[in-house]
Amino acid sequence: MGQIVFIPREIDPNEPRVAASPETVKRLAGLGFDVIVEKGAGLGSRIPDQDFTAAGGAIGTAADAKKADVVLKVRRPTDGELKGYKPGAAVIAIMDPYGNDAAVAAMAKAGITAFSMEFMPRITRAQSMDVLSSQANLAGYQAVIDAAAEYDRALPMMMTAAGTVPAAKAFVMGVGVAGLQAIATARRLGAIVTATDVRPAVKEQVQSLGAKFLAVEDEEFKAAETAGGYAKEMSKEYQAKQAALTAEHIAKQDIVITTALIPGRPAPKLISAAMVASMKPGSVIVDLAVERGGNVEGAVPGKVVTTENGIKIVGHLNVPGRVAASASLLYAKNLYAFLETMVDKTAKTLAIKRDDELVKATMLTDAGQVVHPNFAKAAQEPRVEPAAVPAKTMVADASNPAPKKTAAKNPAAAKSPSSKSKGTA
């Protein structure tokens, strides 16, 4: 028997995605792995068990995790799941480590080698492994679909014999991967779209999609980007000027989609209660940052809130999971592309090269220790995760890189992929 890759069914009832597809199961088998998929793991993504078996996988139970050399997941393993893993197993998932020091310490204690996929550096070699881009792309698309459903009016202008239906006005705040896809989707549906971001470089991208760019273009704005193309946190003064500009603009909008995240910090509040109150009844706001504290005052994680003046604030959790059938296929390919780099093709076994730049950037724990420099204190000073939804991003802080450690020197690890723009990715 070769080394075993195990794909569990996600425990979280709100997580329909799965970490494998029939295609990746077939390719993993081609690398020499025996692939076991937990029964029912793909049902939330419309992948029945027989599709996995037809691709060369075996259907098993959660207990099969104990013999796995590699575990591919969507979400970070729980304490209960960790007890079922053998020490030394490589566990690859979206680990969401910021604000979860106790969970990181628990993974180290369990002896697993944990990799956080959201820390994948944005370099040419790793483009096919960029989970934040693949998932944020779908989140931006779904945000527009959700907004259109709540708006319950036509988005494009329609000229009929009975009269003209005006085009909806949509405003996207934060032009990362999610924001760009939201712009493109809203434009395809016929809306009049404007967008804003702190980085001057995205202005041309916005305009290339047929939208209008809105920003206070002063000297600070011109310098609001690091040499690596990552967003900086703006000063209080700039935020005030930008808020004044957007406040007037938001009052005229039918749909607003916010995607802004500051790496390692609470999501910035972009829309105040006063701005919400200024909007027309029936308008819709979709807050894609709601899991990290939210960009919109009044947004509630997991709910659609209707204000007194009839504005709907949409705060859906796990937005990529709302398009699970598509999200899982992309995520599975991201995982396979990364795992393939750690396989000895001759021996057909897992061979983790700890000096590889991708491994250094993504490895959280190894051999009983927390090895990522951003979380080195987690083992010594674990803290209990608060009950409330954490108001921090899932990514490393690009604006304040962690001090260099001899155990893992890699600037790419501090320069996380999703900090490339003030968006969800």
Protein backbone atom coordinates (compact mmCIF):
# COMPACT_ATOMS: atom_id res chain seq x y z
CA MET A 1 0.00 0.00 0.00
CA GLY A 2 1.25 3.49 -0.88
CA GLN A 3 0.95 6.60 1.22
CA ILE A 4 -2.61 7.64 2.01
CA VAL A 5 -4.37 10.92 1.26
CA PHE A 6 -7.59 11.38 3.25
CA ILE A 7 -10.36 13.82 2.34
CA PRO A 8 -12.83 14.24 5.22
CA ARG A 9 -16.37 15.51 5.21
CA GLU A 10 -16.33 18.99 6.72
CA ILE A 11 -17.78 19.04 10.23
CA ASP A 12 -19.10 22.60 10.07
CA PRO A 13 -22.74 22.35 8.89
CA ASN A 14 -22.30 25.68 7.10
CA GLU A 15 -19.40 24.37 5.00
CA PRO A 16 -20.63 22.55 1.86
CA ARG A 17 -17.27 22.61 0.07
CA VAL A 18 -14.97 19.59 -0.19
CA ALA A 19 -11.19 19.46 -0.63
CA ALA A 20 -11.15 17.10 -3.62
CA SER A 21 -12.85 16.51 -6.95
CA PRO A 22 -12.99 13.38 -9.09
CA GLU A 23 -10.32 14.97 -11.28
CA THR A 24 -7.90 15.61 -8.41
CA VAL A 25 -8.55 12.17 -6.90
CA LYS A 26 -7.52 10.63 -10.22
CA ARG A 27 -4.40 12.79 -10.37
CA LEU A 28 -3.48 12.06 -6.75
CA ALA A 29 -3.71 8.34 -7.53
CA GLY A 30 -1.42 8.99 -10.48
CA LEU A 31 1.16 10.43 -8.07
CA GLY A 32 1.18 7.12 -6.21
CA PHE A 33 -1.20 7.91 -3.35
CA ASP A 34 -4.05 5.76 -2.09
CA VAL A 35 -6.96 8.18 -1.81
CA ILE A 36 -9.72 7.74 0.77
CA VAL A 37 -12.72 10.05 0.74
CA GLU A 38 -15.05 10.09 3.72
CA LYS A 39 -18.57 8.95 2.85
CA GLY A 40 -20.76 11.88 1.81
CA ALA A 41 -17.87 14.38 1.75
CA GLY A 42 -18.80 15.74 -1.66
CA LEU A 43 -22.58 15.80 -1.43
CA GLY A 44 -22.72 19.50 -0.53
CA SER A 45 -20.81 20.21 -3.74
CA ARG A 46 -22.93 17.86 -5.90
CA ILE A 47 -20.25 15.18 -6.03
CA PRO A 48 -21.65 11.73 -5.16
CA ASP A 49 -19.45 9.04 -3.66
CA GLN A 50 -19.54 6.97 -6.84
CA ASP A 51 -17.82 9.76 -8.76
CA PHE A 52 -14.85 9.53 -6.39
CA THR A 53 -14.68 5.73 -6.65
CA ALA A 54 -14.90 5.92 -10.43
CA ALA A 55 -11.84 8.20 -10.32
CA GLY A 56 -9.83 5.65 -8.36
CA GLY A 57 -10.60 6.68 -4.78
CA ALA A 58 -12.03 4.61 -1.95
CA ILE A 59 -14.93 5.61 0.28
CA GLY A 60 -14.18 5.44 3.99
CA THR A 61 -15.08 6.83 7.39
CA ALA A 62 -13.68 9.52 9.66
CA ALA A 63 -11.62 6.85 11.42
CA ASP A 64 -9.52 6.44 8.27
CA ALA A 65 -7.86 9.77 9.06
CA LYS A 66 -5.71 7.95 11.63
CA LYS A 67 -3.71 6.17 8.92
CA ALA A 68 -3.44 9.11 6.53
CA ASP A 69 -0.10 10.64 5.63
CA VAL A 70 -1.83 13.67 4.09
CA VAL A 71 -5.17 15.20 5.04
CA LEU A 72 -6.75 17.69 2.63
CA LYS A 73 -9.43 19.91 4.18
CA VAL A 74 -11.37 23.09 3.58
CA ARG A 75 -11.38 24.44 7.13
CA ARG A 76 -8.90 24.19 10.00
CA PRO A 77 -9.24 20.89 11.91
CA THR A 78 -11.11 20.99 15.21
CA ASP A 79 -9.65 19.61 18.44
CA GLY A 80 -11.75 16.48 17.92
CA GLU A 81 -10.40 15.97 14.42
CA LEU A 82 -6.81 16.51 15.57
CA LYS A 83 -7.17 13.59 17.95
CA GLY A 84 -7.86 11.38 14.95
CA TYR A 85 -4.70 12.34 13.02
CA LYS A 86 -1.39 10.54 13.36
CA PRO A 87 1.63 12.63 14.41
CA GLY A 88 3.63 13.77 11.42
CA ALA A 89 0.68 13.86 9.05
CA ALA A 90 0.62 16.79 6.64
CA VAL A 91 -2.65 18.69 6.95
CA ILE A 92 -3.41 21.27 4.27
CA ALA A 93 -6.38 23.63 4.60
CA ILE A 94 -7.55 27.22 4.92
CA MET A 95 -6.35 27.53 8.51
CA ASP A 96 -7.64 31.02 9.41
CA PRO A 97 -4.94 31.37 12.09
CA TYR A 98 -5.16 35.09 12.92
CA GLY A 99 -6.91 35.55 16.25
CA ASN A 100 -6.86 31.79 16.78
CA ASP A 101 -3.57 31.27 18.61
CA ALA A 102 -5.00 28.49 20.77
CA ALA A 103 -6.00 26.54 17.67
CA VAL A 104 -2.54 26.98 16.15
CA ALA A 105 -0.93 25.79 19.39
CA ALA A 106 -3.27 22.79 19.43
CA MET A 107 -2.13 21.77 15.94
CA ALA A 108 1.49 21.97 17.06
CA LYS A 109 0.72 19.88 20.14
CA ALA A 110 -0.97 17.26 17.94
CA GLY A 111 2.32 16.89 16.07
CA ILE A 112 0.92 17.53 12.61
CA THR A 113 2.65 19.48 9.87
CA ALA A 114 0.02 22.12 9.12
CA PHE A 115 -0.06 24.26 6.00
CA SER A 116 -2.18 27.39 5.69
CA MET A 117 -3.23 27.75 2.05
CA GLU A 118 -4.19 31.41 2.40
CA PHE A 119 -0.52 32.24 2.99
CA MET A 120 0.48 31.08 -0.47
CA PRO A 121 2.73 33.79 -1.96
CA ARG A 122 1.51 35.48 -5.12
CA ILE A 123 4.34 34.53 -7.40
CA THR A 124 4.18 33.11 -10.91
CA ARG A 125 5.04 29.62 -9.73
CA ALA A 126 2.16 29.55 -7.25
CA GLN A 127 -0.65 31.05 -9.34
CA SER A 128 -2.42 27.70 -9.62
CA MET A 129 -2.30 27.33 -5.81
CA ASP A 130 -3.81 30.72 -4.91
CA VAL A 131 -6.90 29.75 -2.94
CA LEU A 132 -7.72 33.32 -1.97
CA SER A 133 -8.02 34.29 -5.61
CA SER A 134 -10.02 31.24 -6.64
CA GLN A 135 -12.47 31.61 -3.77
CA ALA A 136 -12.67 35.41 -3.75
CA ASN A 137 -13.40 35.39 -7.46
CA LEU A 138 -16.54 33.36 -6.78
CA ALA A 139 -17.38 35.47 -3.72
CA GLY A 140 -17.38 38.62 -5.86
CA TYR A 141 -19.65 36.95 -8.40
CA GLN A 142 -22.04 35.62 -5.76
CA ALA A 143 -22.18 38.99 -3.99
CA VAL A 144 -23.76 40.51 -7.09
CA ILE A 145 -26.16 37.58 -7.48
CA ASP A 146 -27.21 37.93 -3.84
CA ALA A 147 -27.60 41.69 -4.24
CA ALA A 148 -29.75 41.25 -7.34
CA ALA A 149 -31.96 38.73 -5.53
CA GLU A 150 -32.55 41.10 -2.61
CA TYR A 151 -32.95 44.16 -4.84
CA ASP A 152 -35.90 42.47 -6.65
CA ARG A 153 -35.74 44.91 -9.54
CA ALA A 154 -34.16 44.63 -12.97
CA LEU A 155 -30.50 45.62 -13.13
CA PRO A 156 -30.17 46.58 -16.82
CA MET A 157 -31.95 49.45 -18.49
CA MET A 158 -34.95 48.14 -20.43
CA MET A 159 -36.79 50.22 -23.01
CA THR A 160 -40.27 48.86 -23.63
CA ALA A 161 -43.54 50.07 -25.13
CA ALA A 162 -44.82 50.40 -21.58
CA GLY A 163 -41.94 52.60 -20.52
CA THR A 164 -38.28 52.50 -19.56
CA VAL A 165 -36.79 50.61 -16.65
CA PRO A 166 -33.72 52.53 -15.44
CA ALA A 167 -30.43 50.72 -14.94
CA ALA A 168 -29.44 49.99 -11.35
CA LYS A 169 -26.46 51.86 -9.92
CA ALA A 170 -23.88 49.64 -8.24
CA PHE A 171 -20.87 50.73 -6.19
CA VAL A 172 -18.01 48.32 -5.34
CA MET A 173 -15.76 49.28 -2.43
CA GLY A 174 -12.43 47.44 -2.52
CA VAL A 175 -11.02 46.32 -5.85
CA GLY A 176 -9.25 43.08 -5.08
CA VAL A 177 -10.05 39.83 -6.85
CA ALA A 178 -13.56 39.80 -5.35
CA GLY A 179 -14.13 43.44 -6.20
CA LEU A 180 -13.01 43.05 -9.81
CA GLN A 181 -15.30 40.07 -10.30
CA ALA A 182 -18.17 41.97 -8.69
CA ILE A 183 -17.59 44.85 -11.11
CA ALA A 184 -17.49 42.50 -14.09
CA THR A 185 -20.61 40.61 -13.00
CA ALA A 186 -22.62 43.75 -12.28
CA ARG A 187 -21.61 45.15 -15.65
CA ARG A 188 -22.64 41.94 -17.41
CA LEU A 189 -26.02 42.21 -15.74
CA GLY A 190 -26.39 45.74 -17.08
CA ALA A 191 -25.82 47.89 -13.99
CA ILE A 192 -24.05 51.25 -14.02
CA VAL A 193 -20.95 50.52 -11.91
CA THR A 194 -18.53 52.67 -9.96
CA ALA A 195 -15.73 51.41 -7.71
CA THR A 196 -13.16 52.66 -5.23
CA ASP A 197 -9.90 51.43 -3.71
CA VAL A 198 -6.89 52.95 -1.95
CA ARG A 199 -4.44 51.78 -4.61
CA PRO A 200 -3.96 54.01 -7.65
CA ALA A 201 -2.85 51.04 -9.77
CA VAL A 202 -6.36 49.55 -9.83
CA LYS A 203 -7.88 52.61 -11.48
CA GLU A 204 -7.04 51.32 -14.94
CA GLN A 205 -8.38 47.87 -14.07
CA VAL A 206 -11.69 49.35 -12.99
CA GLN A 207 -11.95 51.44 -16.13
CA SER A 208 -11.02 48.48 -18.34
CA LEU A 209 -14.12 46.69 -17.04
CA GLY A 210 -16.33 49.59 -18.04
CA ALA A 211 -16.77 51.07 -14.58
CA LYS A 212 -15.96 54.51 -13.20
CA PHE A 213 -13.25 54.91 -10.55
CA LEU A 214 -13.98 57.04 -7.48
CA ALA A 215 -11.29 58.14 -5.00
CA VAL A 216 -9.67 61.13 -3.33
CA GLU A 217 -6.57 61.24 -5.55
CA ASP A 218 -4.21 63.23 -3.34
CA GLU A 219 -0.49 62.69 -2.59
CA GLU A 220 -1.19 60.01 0.04
CA PHE A 221 -3.34 58.14 -2.46
CA LYS A 222 -0.51 58.16 -4.99
CA ALA A 223 1.77 56.51 -2.42
CA ALA A 224 -0.81 54.06 -1.07
CA GLU A 225 0.92 51.00 -2.41
CA THR A 226 4.06 49.11 -1.39
CA ALA A 227 6.82 48.19 -3.82
CA GLY A 228 5.34 44.69 -4.00
CA GLY A 229 1.92 45.98 -5.03
CA TYR A 230 0.26 45.57 -1.63
CA ALA A 231 -2.17 47.97 -0.01
CA LYS A 232 -1.14 50.19 2.89
CA GLU A 233 -3.40 51.24 5.72
CA MET A 234 -4.48 54.83 5.11
CA SER A 235 -4.24 57.69 7.61
CA LYS A 236 -7.24 58.89 9.60
CA GLU A 237 -7.17 62.11 7.59
CA TYR A 238 -7.38 60.30 4.27
CA GLN A 239 -10.10 58.01 5.56
CA ALA A 240 -12.13 61.08 6.55
CA LYS A 241 -11.78 62.66 3.11
CA GLN A 242 -12.61 59.43 1.37
CA ALA A 243 -15.63 58.92 3.64
CA ALA A 244 -16.96 62.38 2.75
CA LEU A 245 -16.64 61.64 -0.95
CA THR A 246 -18.23 58.21 -0.74
CA ALA A 247 -21.02 59.34 1.58
CA GLU A 248 -22.41 61.61 -1.11
CA HIS A 249 -21.97 58.90 -3.73
CA ILE A 250 -23.56 56.09 -1.69
CA ALA A 251 -26.76 58.07 -1.21
CA LYS A 252 -27.39 57.76 -4.95
CA GLN A 253 -26.66 54.02 -5.24
CA ASP A 254 -29.05 51.08 -5.51
CA ILE A 255 -26.48 48.39 -4.69
CA VAL A 256 -23.25 48.65 -2.71
CA ILE A 257 -20.78 45.77 -2.31
CA THR A 258 -17.95 46.09 0.20
CA THR A 259 -14.86 43.83 0.16
CA ALA A 260 -12.26 45.83 2.09
CA LEU A 261 -9.90 44.05 4.46
CA ILE A 262 -6.76 45.38 6.17
CA PRO A 263 -4.29 42.51 6.71
CA GLY A 264 -4.08 41.41 10.32
CA ARG A 265 -6.55 44.05 11.54
CA PRO A 266 -10.29 44.45 11.94
CA ALA A 267 -12.10 45.12 8.68
CA PRO A 268 -12.30 48.89 8.23
CA LYS A 269 -15.70 50.48 8.71
CA LEU A 270 -16.51 52.08 5.36
CA ILE A 271 -20.23 52.67 5.63
CA SER A 272 -21.71 54.34 8.70
CA ALA A 273 -25.29 54.13 9.91
CA ALA A 274 -25.79 57.67 8.60
CA MET A 275 -24.68 56.59 5.12
CA VAL A 276 -27.06 53.65 5.24
CA ALA A 277 -29.87 55.97 6.27
CA SER A 278 -29.13 58.25 3.33
CA MET A 279 -29.84 55.52 0.79
CA LYS A 280 -33.14 55.01 -1.01
CA PRO A 281 -35.61 52.46 0.39
CA GLY A 282 -35.13 49.13 -1.34
CA SER A 283 -31.38 49.61 -1.79
CA VAL A 284 -29.07 46.71 -0.95
CA ILE A 285 -25.63 46.52 0.70
CA VAL A 286 -23.61 43.29 0.59
CA ASP A 287 -20.80 43.13 3.16
CA LEU A 288 -18.21 40.54 2.11
CA ALA A 289 -16.06 41.41 5.12
CA VAL A 290 -18.77 40.61 7.68
CA GLU A 291 -16.88 37.59 9.05
CA ARG A 292 -13.96 39.88 9.95
CA GLY A 293 -15.93 42.58 11.75
CA GLY A 294 -17.62 44.01 8.68
CA ASN A 295 -17.28 47.14 6.55
CA VAL A 296 -20.85 48.22 7.22
CA GLU A 297 -22.29 49.52 10.46
CA GLY A 298 -25.30 47.38 11.26
CA ALA A 299 -24.18 44.30 9.32
CA VAL A 300 -24.87 41.06 11.18
CA PRO A 301 -22.89 37.88 10.37
CA GLY A 302 -25.13 35.27 8.80
CA LYS A 303 -28.19 37.49 8.42
CA VAL A 304 -29.94 39.86 6.03
CA VAL A 305 -30.90 42.91 8.07
CA THR A 306 -33.58 45.34 6.93
CA THR A 307 -33.17 48.81 8.43
CA GLU A 308 -35.96 51.15 9.46
CA ASN A 309 -35.67 53.02 6.18
CA GLY A 310 -35.94 49.81 4.14
CA ILE A 311 -32.28 49.17 3.30
CA LYS A 312 -31.18 45.54 3.22
CA ILE A 313 -27.72 44.77 4.61
CA VAL A 314 -26.62 41.32 3.48
CA GLY A 315 -24.14 39.55 5.76
CA HIS A 316 -23.95 36.00 4.41
CA LEU A 317 -21.18 33.84 5.85
CA ASN A 318 -18.92 31.67 3.69
CA VAL A 319 -19.98 33.29 0.43
CA PRO A 320 -17.79 31.02 -1.75
CA GLY A 321 -19.65 28.11 -0.14
CA ARG A 322 -22.86 29.51 -1.62
CA VAL A 323 -21.42 28.42 -4.97
CA ALA A 324 -19.98 25.21 -3.54
CA ALA A 325 -20.09 23.10 -6.70
CA SER A 326 -17.81 25.57 -8.47
CA ALA A 327 -15.77 26.57 -5.42
CA SER A 328 -14.82 23.00 -4.56
CA LEU A 329 -13.56 22.23 -8.06
CA LEU A 330 -11.25 25.26 -7.98
CA TYR A 331 -10.13 24.70 -4.39
CA ALA A 332 -9.35 21.05 -5.07
CA LYS A 333 -7.10 22.06 -7.96
CA ASN A 334 -5.33 24.59 -5.72
CA LEU A 335 -4.61 21.87 -3.17
CA TYR A 336 -3.44 19.36 -5.75
CA ALA A 337 -1.08 21.86 -7.38
CA PHE A 338 0.53 22.57 -4.01
CA LEU A 339 0.75 18.96 -2.85
CA GLU A 340 2.31 17.94 -6.15
CA THR A 341 5.31 20.19 -5.42
CA MET A 342 5.98 18.15 -2.27
CA VAL A 343 5.98 14.73 -3.93
CA ASP A 344 9.08 12.80 -4.95
CA LYS A 345 8.04 11.72 -8.45
CA THR A 346 10.57 8.87 -8.54
CA ALA A 347 9.78 7.31 -5.17
CA LYS A 348 6.12 8.42 -5.38
CA THR A 349 6.12 9.51 -1.75
CA LEU A 350 5.60 12.74 0.14
CA ALA A 351 8.91 14.58 0.44
CA ILE A 352 8.47 17.99 2.07
CA LYS A 353 11.33 20.34 1.22
CA ARG A 354 11.38 22.68 4.18
CA ASP A 355 13.66 25.15 2.46
CA ASP A 356 11.20 25.59 -0.44
CA GLU A 357 9.73 29.11 -0.59
CA LEU A 358 6.16 27.80 -0.81
CA VAL A 359 6.65 25.54 2.20
CA LYS A 360 8.25 28.34 4.23
CA ALA A 361 5.42 30.72 3.41
CA THR A 362 2.59 28.33 4.30
CA MET A 363 3.87 25.99 7.03
CA LEU A 364 2.29 26.82 10.39
CA THR A 365 3.38 23.91 12.57
CA ASP A 366 5.95 21.13 12.27
CA ALA A 367 7.43 18.51 14.60
CA GLY A 368 5.45 19.75 17.59
CA GLN A 369 6.39 23.42 17.13
CA VAL A 370 4.74 26.54 15.74
CA VAL A 371 7.19 27.43 12.99
CA HIS A 372 5.54 30.32 11.15
CA PRO A 373 7.17 33.58 12.32
CA ASN A 374 3.84 35.38 12.61
CA PHE A 375 2.60 32.83 15.15
CA ALA A 376 5.74 31.84 17.03
CA LYS A 377 4.24 33.00 20.33
CA ALA A 378 1.13 30.87 19.96
CA ALA A 379 2.72 27.86 21.65
CA GLN A 380 4.00 29.87 24.61
CA GLU A 381 1.06 32.22 25.09
CA PRO A 382 -2.09 30.59 23.72
CA ARG A 383 -5.26 32.55 24.19
CA VAL A 384 -8.83 31.35 24.04
CA GLU A 385 -10.67 32.33 20.89
CA PRO A 386 -13.51 34.75 21.70
CA ALA A 387 -17.07 33.61 21.14
CA ALA A 388 -17.81 36.51 18.82
CA VAL A 389 -16.94 36.38 15.12
CA PRO A 390 -13.29 37.50 14.93
CA ALA A 391 -12.85 40.96 13.42
CA LYS A 392 -9.52 40.17 11.78
CA THR A 393 -8.50 39.09 8.33
CA MET A 394 -7.44 35.57 7.35
CA VAL A 395 -4.14 36.82 5.99
CA ALA A 396 -0.71 37.94 7.06
CA ASP A 397 0.06 41.61 7.61
CA ALA A 398 1.88 42.98 4.58
CA SER A 399 2.16 46.50 5.97
CA ASN A 400 3.89 45.32 9.14
CA PRO A 401 5.97 42.22 8.30
CA ALA A 402 6.86 39.97 11.22
CA PRO A 403 10.44 40.13 12.57
CA LYS A 404 12.75 37.67 10.89
CA LYS A 405 13.19 34.36 12.68
CA THR A 406 16.03 31.94 12.16
CA ALA A 407 13.52 29.07 12.02
CA ALA A 408 11.69 30.40 8.98
CA LYS A 409 13.12 33.29 7.03
CA ASN A 410 10.77 34.19 4.23
CA PRO A 411 9.43 37.63 3.46
CA ALA A 412 6.74 36.06 1.31
CA ALA A 413 5.20 34.55 4.42
CA ALA A 414 4.60 37.99 5.84
CA LYS A 415 3.39 39.29 2.52
CA SER A 416 0.21 37.31 2.26
CA PRO A 417 -1.67 36.94 -1.00
CA SER A 418 -4.86 38.59 0.04
CA SER A 419 -3.11 41.78 1.02
CA LYS A 420 -2.42 42.58 -2.61
CA SER A 421 -5.38 44.90 -2.59
CA LYS A 422 -7.94 46.20 -0.21
CA GLY A 423 -10.32 43.39 -1.10
CA THR A 424 -11.11 39.86 -0.06
CA ALA A 425 -8.14 38.64 -2.04
